[in-house]
Amino acid sequence: MTWNSAQAFCQTKPGRHICTAPQICTNKKIRITGSALGDHWVPVNDTVNNWMAIGNEYLPGGKKLCWRHLQGFGSLPGWGNKVGPCPPWTSKFNECLLKGHLFCCAPAV
């Protein structure tokens, strides 16, 4: 799944789009499903190709739960709209698992 394909899928649902970060996470808690085990990301509708961590994996200094990639790492992820084999740093993980989550929401009121 890519950010673009996720947005296209959500738009097939009447009145839906990729959820915004606040629709998914508030106060470091995933509102929709709870956190996933490991390194997992979901596309967010605040910036094209931005993704938010919904997994419980730790980074030095603490959890990255609810981090948006742009804000946490200072860049949009190269893998966000990439189709194909996993990048070398994800060799022990399947990229489909890393970004295999999608939440479609109604517009925030």
N, C-alpha and C. Protein backbone atom coordinates (compact mmCIF):
# COMPACT_ATOMS: atom_id res chain seq x y z
N MET A 1 0.85 -1.17 0.00
CA MET A 1 0.00 0.00 0.00
C MET A 1 0.89 1.24 0.00
N THR A 2 0.50 2.22 -0.76
CA THR A 2 1.18 3.51 -0.76
C THR A 2 0.23 4.56 -0.19
N TRP A 3 0.76 5.75 0.11
CA TRP A 3 -0.10 6.83 0.59
C TRP A 3 -1.16 7.14 -0.47
N ASN A 4 -0.73 7.21 -1.73
CA ASN A 4 -1.67 7.54 -2.81
C ASN A 4 -2.74 6.47 -2.98
N SER A 5 -2.35 5.19 -2.91
CA SER A 5 -3.35 4.13 -3.07
C SER A 5 -4.30 4.10 -1.87
N ALA A 6 -3.79 4.44 -0.68
CA ALA A 6 -4.64 4.51 0.50
C ALA A 6 -5.68 5.62 0.35
N GLN A 7 -5.25 6.78 -0.11
CA GLN A 7 -6.19 7.90 -0.31
C GLN A 7 -7.24 7.53 -1.37
N ALA A 8 -6.79 6.90 -2.45
CA ALA A 8 -7.73 6.49 -3.49
C ALA A 8 -8.75 5.49 -2.95
N PHE A 9 -8.30 4.54 -2.12
CA PHE A 9 -9.22 3.56 -1.54
C PHE A 9 -10.24 4.25 -0.65
N CYS A 10 -9.78 5.12 0.25
CA CYS A 10 -10.71 5.80 1.16
C CYS A 10 -11.74 6.62 0.38
N GLN A 11 -11.31 7.22 -0.71
CA GLN A 11 -12.23 8.05 -1.50
C GLN A 11 -13.30 7.24 -2.22
N THR A 12 -13.14 5.92 -2.26
CA THR A 12 -14.22 5.09 -2.84
C THR A 12 -15.36 4.91 -1.84
N LYS A 13 -15.12 5.26 -0.60
CA LYS A 13 -16.15 5.19 0.45
C LYS A 13 -16.80 6.56 0.55
N PRO A 14 -18.10 6.66 0.38
CA PRO A 14 -18.75 7.98 0.38
C PRO A 14 -18.42 8.82 1.62
N GLY A 15 -17.92 10.02 1.37
CA GLY A 15 -17.62 10.96 2.44
C GLY A 15 -16.40 10.62 3.28
N ARG A 16 -15.54 9.73 2.80
CA ARG A 16 -14.38 9.30 3.60
C ARG A 16 -13.06 9.75 2.95
N HIS A 17 -12.03 9.82 3.77
CA HIS A 17 -10.67 10.13 3.34
C HIS A 17 -9.72 9.50 4.36
N ILE A 18 -8.42 9.54 4.07
CA ILE A 18 -7.45 9.09 5.07
C ILE A 18 -7.67 9.93 6.32
N CYS A 19 -7.66 9.28 7.46
CA CYS A 19 -7.86 10.00 8.73
C CYS A 19 -6.72 10.98 9.00
N THR A 20 -7.04 12.05 9.69
CA THR A 20 -6.01 12.98 10.15
C THR A 20 -5.34 12.39 11.39
N ALA A 21 -4.17 12.90 11.72
CA ALA A 21 -3.46 12.42 12.91
C ALA A 21 -4.31 12.53 14.17
N PRO A 22 -4.99 13.67 14.44
CA PRO A 22 -5.81 13.75 15.66
C PRO A 22 -7.00 12.79 15.68
N GLN A 23 -7.50 12.40 14.51
CA GLN A 23 -8.58 11.43 14.47
C GLN A 23 -8.09 10.04 14.89
N ILE A 24 -6.82 9.78 14.69
CA ILE A 24 -6.25 8.47 15.01
C ILE A 24 -5.66 8.44 16.42
N CYS A 25 -5.00 9.51 16.81
CA CYS A 25 -4.23 9.48 18.05
C CYS A 25 -4.38 10.79 18.83
N THR A 26 -4.70 10.67 20.11
CA THR A 26 -4.69 11.82 21.02
C THR A 26 -4.02 11.40 22.32
N ASN A 27 -3.24 12.29 22.88
CA ASN A 27 -2.54 12.03 24.14
C ASN A 27 -1.74 10.72 24.12
N LYS A 28 -1.07 10.48 22.98
CA LYS A 28 -0.23 9.28 22.83
C LYS A 28 -1.02 7.98 22.93
N LYS A 29 -2.31 8.02 22.59
CA LYS A 29 -3.15 6.82 22.59
C LYS A 29 -3.85 6.71 21.25
N ILE A 30 -3.78 5.51 20.68
CA ILE A 30 -4.46 5.26 19.42
C ILE A 30 -5.95 5.13 19.71
N ARG A 31 -6.74 6.02 19.15
CA ARG A 31 -8.17 6.07 19.45
C ARG A 31 -8.97 4.97 18.75
N ILE A 32 -8.49 4.51 17.61
CA ILE A 32 -9.30 3.62 16.78
C ILE A 32 -9.14 2.16 17.17
N THR A 33 -7.89 1.68 17.31
CA THR A 33 -7.68 0.24 17.55
C THR A 33 -6.76 -0.08 18.70
N GLY A 34 -6.08 0.89 19.25
CA GLY A 34 -5.00 0.61 20.19
C GLY A 34 -3.71 0.40 19.39
N SER A 35 -2.58 0.38 20.07
CA SER A 35 -1.31 0.26 19.36
C SER A 35 -1.09 -1.16 18.87
N ALA A 36 -0.28 -1.26 17.82
CA ALA A 36 0.10 -2.56 17.25
C ALA A 36 1.46 -2.95 17.82
N LEU A 37 1.76 -4.24 17.85
CA LEU A 37 3.06 -4.70 18.33
C LEU A 37 4.09 -4.54 17.23
N GLY A 38 5.19 -3.85 17.53
CA GLY A 38 6.27 -3.70 16.56
C GLY A 38 6.28 -2.35 15.88
N ASP A 39 6.84 -2.32 14.68
CA ASP A 39 7.02 -1.09 13.90
C ASP A 39 5.93 -1.02 12.85
N HIS A 40 4.90 -0.23 13.10
CA HIS A 40 3.76 -0.12 12.19
C HIS A 40 3.41 1.34 11.97
N TRP A 41 3.02 1.65 10.75
CA TRP A 41 2.73 3.02 10.34
C TRP A 41 1.40 3.06 9.60
N VAL A 42 0.70 4.18 9.72
CA VAL A 42 -0.57 4.40 9.03
C VAL A 42 -0.48 5.75 8.32
N PRO A 43 -1.01 5.85 7.08
CA PRO A 43 -0.99 7.15 6.41
C PRO A 43 -1.91 8.14 7.14
N VAL A 44 -1.48 9.41 7.17
CA VAL A 44 -2.30 10.45 7.79
C VAL A 44 -2.54 11.57 6.77
N ASN A 45 -3.66 12.23 6.91
CA ASN A 45 -4.13 13.19 5.92
C ASN A 45 -3.77 14.63 6.27
N ASP A 46 -2.63 14.85 6.94
CA ASP A 46 -2.23 16.22 7.21
C ASP A 46 -1.26 16.76 6.17
N THR A 47 -0.48 15.87 5.55
CA THR A 47 0.46 16.21 4.49
C THR A 47 0.52 15.00 3.56
N VAL A 48 0.57 15.23 2.26
CA VAL A 48 0.67 14.11 1.32
C VAL A 48 1.91 13.29 1.66
N ASN A 49 1.75 11.99 1.77
CA ASN A 49 2.80 11.01 2.06
C ASN A 49 3.34 11.10 3.48
N ASN A 50 2.59 11.66 4.41
CA ASN A 50 3.02 11.61 5.80
C ASN A 50 2.38 10.39 6.45
N TRP A 51 3.10 9.76 7.36
CA TRP A 51 2.66 8.55 8.04
C TRP A 51 2.87 8.72 9.53
N MET A 52 2.05 8.04 10.32
CA MET A 52 2.15 8.12 11.77
C MET A 52 2.40 6.74 12.34
N ALA A 53 3.31 6.66 13.31
CA ALA A 53 3.63 5.40 13.97
C ALA A 53 2.47 4.99 14.88
N ILE A 54 1.98 3.77 14.67
CA ILE A 54 0.94 3.23 15.55
C ILE A 54 1.43 1.99 16.27
N GLY A 55 2.71 1.66 16.08
CA GLY A 55 3.30 0.51 16.75
C GLY A 55 3.95 0.90 18.06
N ASN A 56 4.25 -0.10 18.86
CA ASN A 56 4.82 0.15 20.18
C ASN A 56 6.34 0.04 20.20
N GLU A 57 6.98 0.07 19.04
CA GLU A 57 8.43 -0.05 18.99
C GLU A 57 9.10 1.18 19.59
N TYR A 58 10.20 0.96 20.27
CA TYR A 58 10.92 2.04 20.93
C TYR A 58 12.06 2.56 20.05
N LEU A 59 12.36 3.82 20.21
CA LEU A 59 13.57 4.44 19.67
C LEU A 59 14.37 4.96 20.86
N PRO A 60 15.64 5.27 20.67
CA PRO A 60 16.38 5.86 21.78
C PRO A 60 15.63 7.09 22.32
N GLY A 61 15.45 7.14 23.61
CA GLY A 61 14.76 8.28 24.21
C GLY A 61 13.27 8.05 24.41
N GLY A 62 12.73 6.95 23.96
CA GLY A 62 11.32 6.69 24.22
C GLY A 62 10.57 6.12 23.04
N LYS A 63 9.29 5.94 23.24
CA LYS A 63 8.43 5.38 22.20
C LYS A 63 8.23 6.37 21.07
N LYS A 64 7.96 5.85 19.90
CA LYS A 64 7.61 6.72 18.79
C LYS A 64 6.12 6.63 18.47
N LEU A 65 5.34 6.05 19.37
CA LEU A 65 3.90 5.95 19.18
C LEU A 65 3.31 7.34 18.93
N CYS A 66 2.53 7.45 17.87
CA CYS A 66 1.85 8.68 17.46
C CYS A 66 2.78 9.71 16.82
N TRP A 67 4.04 9.36 16.60
CA TRP A 67 4.93 10.25 15.85
C TRP A 67 4.45 10.33 14.42
N ARG A 68 4.46 11.51 13.87
CA ARG A 68 4.30 11.64 12.43
C ARG A 68 5.71 11.67 11.84
N HIS A 69 5.91 10.96 10.75
CA HIS A 69 7.25 10.80 10.17
C HIS A 69 7.90 12.15 9.91
N LEU A 70 7.17 13.09 9.32
CA LEU A 70 7.72 14.40 9.00
C LEU A 70 8.20 15.12 10.26
N GLN A 71 7.39 15.10 11.30
CA GLN A 71 7.75 15.79 12.53
C GLN A 71 8.83 15.04 13.32
N GLY A 72 8.76 13.72 13.34
CA GLY A 72 9.70 12.93 14.13
C GLY A 72 11.07 12.79 13.50
N PHE A 73 11.11 12.62 12.17
CA PHE A 73 12.38 12.40 11.48
C PHE A 73 12.81 13.59 10.62
N GLY A 74 11.92 14.58 10.45
CA GLY A 74 12.27 15.76 9.67
C GLY A 74 12.13 15.59 8.18
N SER A 75 11.53 14.49 7.74
CA SER A 75 11.34 14.26 6.30
C SER A 75 10.15 13.32 6.10
N LEU A 76 9.63 13.34 4.89
CA LEU A 76 8.59 12.37 4.53
C LEU A 76 9.28 11.05 4.21
N PRO A 77 8.64 9.91 4.46
CA PRO A 77 9.31 8.63 4.24
C PRO A 77 9.46 8.29 2.76
N GLY A 78 10.65 7.84 2.40
CA GLY A 78 10.88 7.40 1.02
C GLY A 78 10.03 6.19 0.66
N TRP A 79 9.67 5.40 1.67
CA TRP A 79 8.89 4.19 1.43
C TRP A 79 7.39 4.47 1.35
N GLY A 80 6.94 5.68 1.65
CA GLY A 80 5.51 5.97 1.74
C GLY A 80 4.74 5.80 0.46
N ASN A 81 5.35 6.12 -0.68
CA ASN A 81 4.70 5.92 -1.97
C ASN A 81 5.49 4.96 -2.84
N LYS A 82 6.32 4.16 -2.20
CA LYS A 82 7.16 3.19 -2.92
C LYS A 82 6.41 1.87 -3.08
N VAL A 83 6.48 1.35 -4.27
CA VAL A 83 5.92 0.03 -4.55
C VAL A 83 7.10 -0.87 -4.90
N GLY A 84 7.15 -2.04 -4.33
CA GLY A 84 8.24 -2.94 -4.68
C GLY A 84 8.93 -3.50 -3.46
N PRO A 85 10.16 -3.98 -3.66
CA PRO A 85 10.86 -4.65 -2.57
C PRO A 85 11.13 -3.72 -1.39
N CYS A 86 11.32 -4.33 -0.24
CA CYS A 86 11.60 -3.58 0.98
C CYS A 86 12.97 -2.90 0.87
N PRO A 87 13.11 -1.69 1.44
CA PRO A 87 14.44 -1.09 1.51
C PRO A 87 15.34 -1.94 2.40
N PRO A 88 16.67 -1.83 2.24
CA PRO A 88 17.59 -2.70 2.99
C PRO A 88 17.39 -2.65 4.50
N TRP A 89 17.05 -1.49 5.06
CA TRP A 89 16.92 -1.39 6.51
C TRP A 89 15.69 -2.12 7.04
N THR A 90 14.78 -2.53 6.14
CA THR A 90 13.62 -3.30 6.59
C THR A 90 13.75 -4.76 6.18
N SER A 91 14.97 -5.21 5.90
CA SER A 91 15.14 -6.55 5.34
C SER A 91 14.55 -7.65 6.23
N LYS A 92 14.53 -7.47 7.55
CA LYS A 92 13.96 -8.51 8.39
C LYS A 92 12.45 -8.35 8.56
N PHE A 93 11.90 -7.28 8.02
CA PHE A 93 10.46 -7.03 8.09
C PHE A 93 9.88 -7.01 6.69
N ASN A 94 8.62 -7.34 6.58
CA ASN A 94 7.92 -7.23 5.32
C ASN A 94 7.35 -5.82 5.25
N GLU A 95 7.70 -5.07 4.21
CA GLU A 95 7.21 -3.69 4.09
C GLU A 95 5.69 -3.62 4.14
N CYS A 96 5.03 -4.67 3.68
CA CYS A 96 3.56 -4.67 3.74
C CYS A 96 3.07 -4.67 5.18
N LEU A 97 3.84 -5.27 6.09
CA LEU A 97 3.46 -5.25 7.50
C LEU A 97 3.77 -3.89 8.12
N LEU A 98 4.88 -3.28 7.71
CA LEU A 98 5.28 -1.98 8.23
C LEU A 98 4.21 -0.94 7.97
N LYS A 99 3.61 -0.99 6.79
CA LYS A 99 2.61 0.01 6.42
C LYS A 99 1.32 -0.65 5.92
N GLY A 100 0.88 -1.67 6.61
CA GLY A 100 -0.29 -2.41 6.20
C GLY A 100 -1.58 -2.00 6.93
N HIS A 101 -1.61 -0.79 7.44
CA HIS A 101 -2.78 -0.32 8.20
C HIS A 101 -3.37 0.89 7.50
N LEU A 102 -4.69 1.01 7.56
CA LEU A 102 -5.36 2.15 6.94
C LEU A 102 -6.64 2.44 7.70
N PHE A 103 -6.85 3.70 8.01
CA PHE A 103 -8.10 4.15 8.64
C PHE A 103 -8.72 5.22 7.75
N CYS A 104 -9.96 5.01 7.36
CA CYS A 104 -10.71 5.97 6.55
C CYS A 104 -11.73 6.64 7.46
N CYS A 105 -11.78 7.96 7.46
CA CYS A 105 -12.65 8.71 8.36
C CYS A 105 -13.52 9.69 7.61
N ALA A 106 -14.59 10.08 8.24
CA ALA A 106 -15.40 11.19 7.76
C ALA A 106 -14.62 12.46 8.08
N PRO A 107 -14.87 13.56 7.36
CA PRO A 107 -14.17 14.80 7.66
C PRO A 107 -14.35 15.21 9.12
N ALA A 108 -13.27 15.74 9.71
CA ALA A 108 -13.34 16.21 11.10
C ALA A 108 -14.29 17.40 11.15
N VAL A 109 -15.05 17.47 12.21
CA VAL A 109 -16.04 18.55 12.36
C VAL A 109 -15.45 19.67 13.17
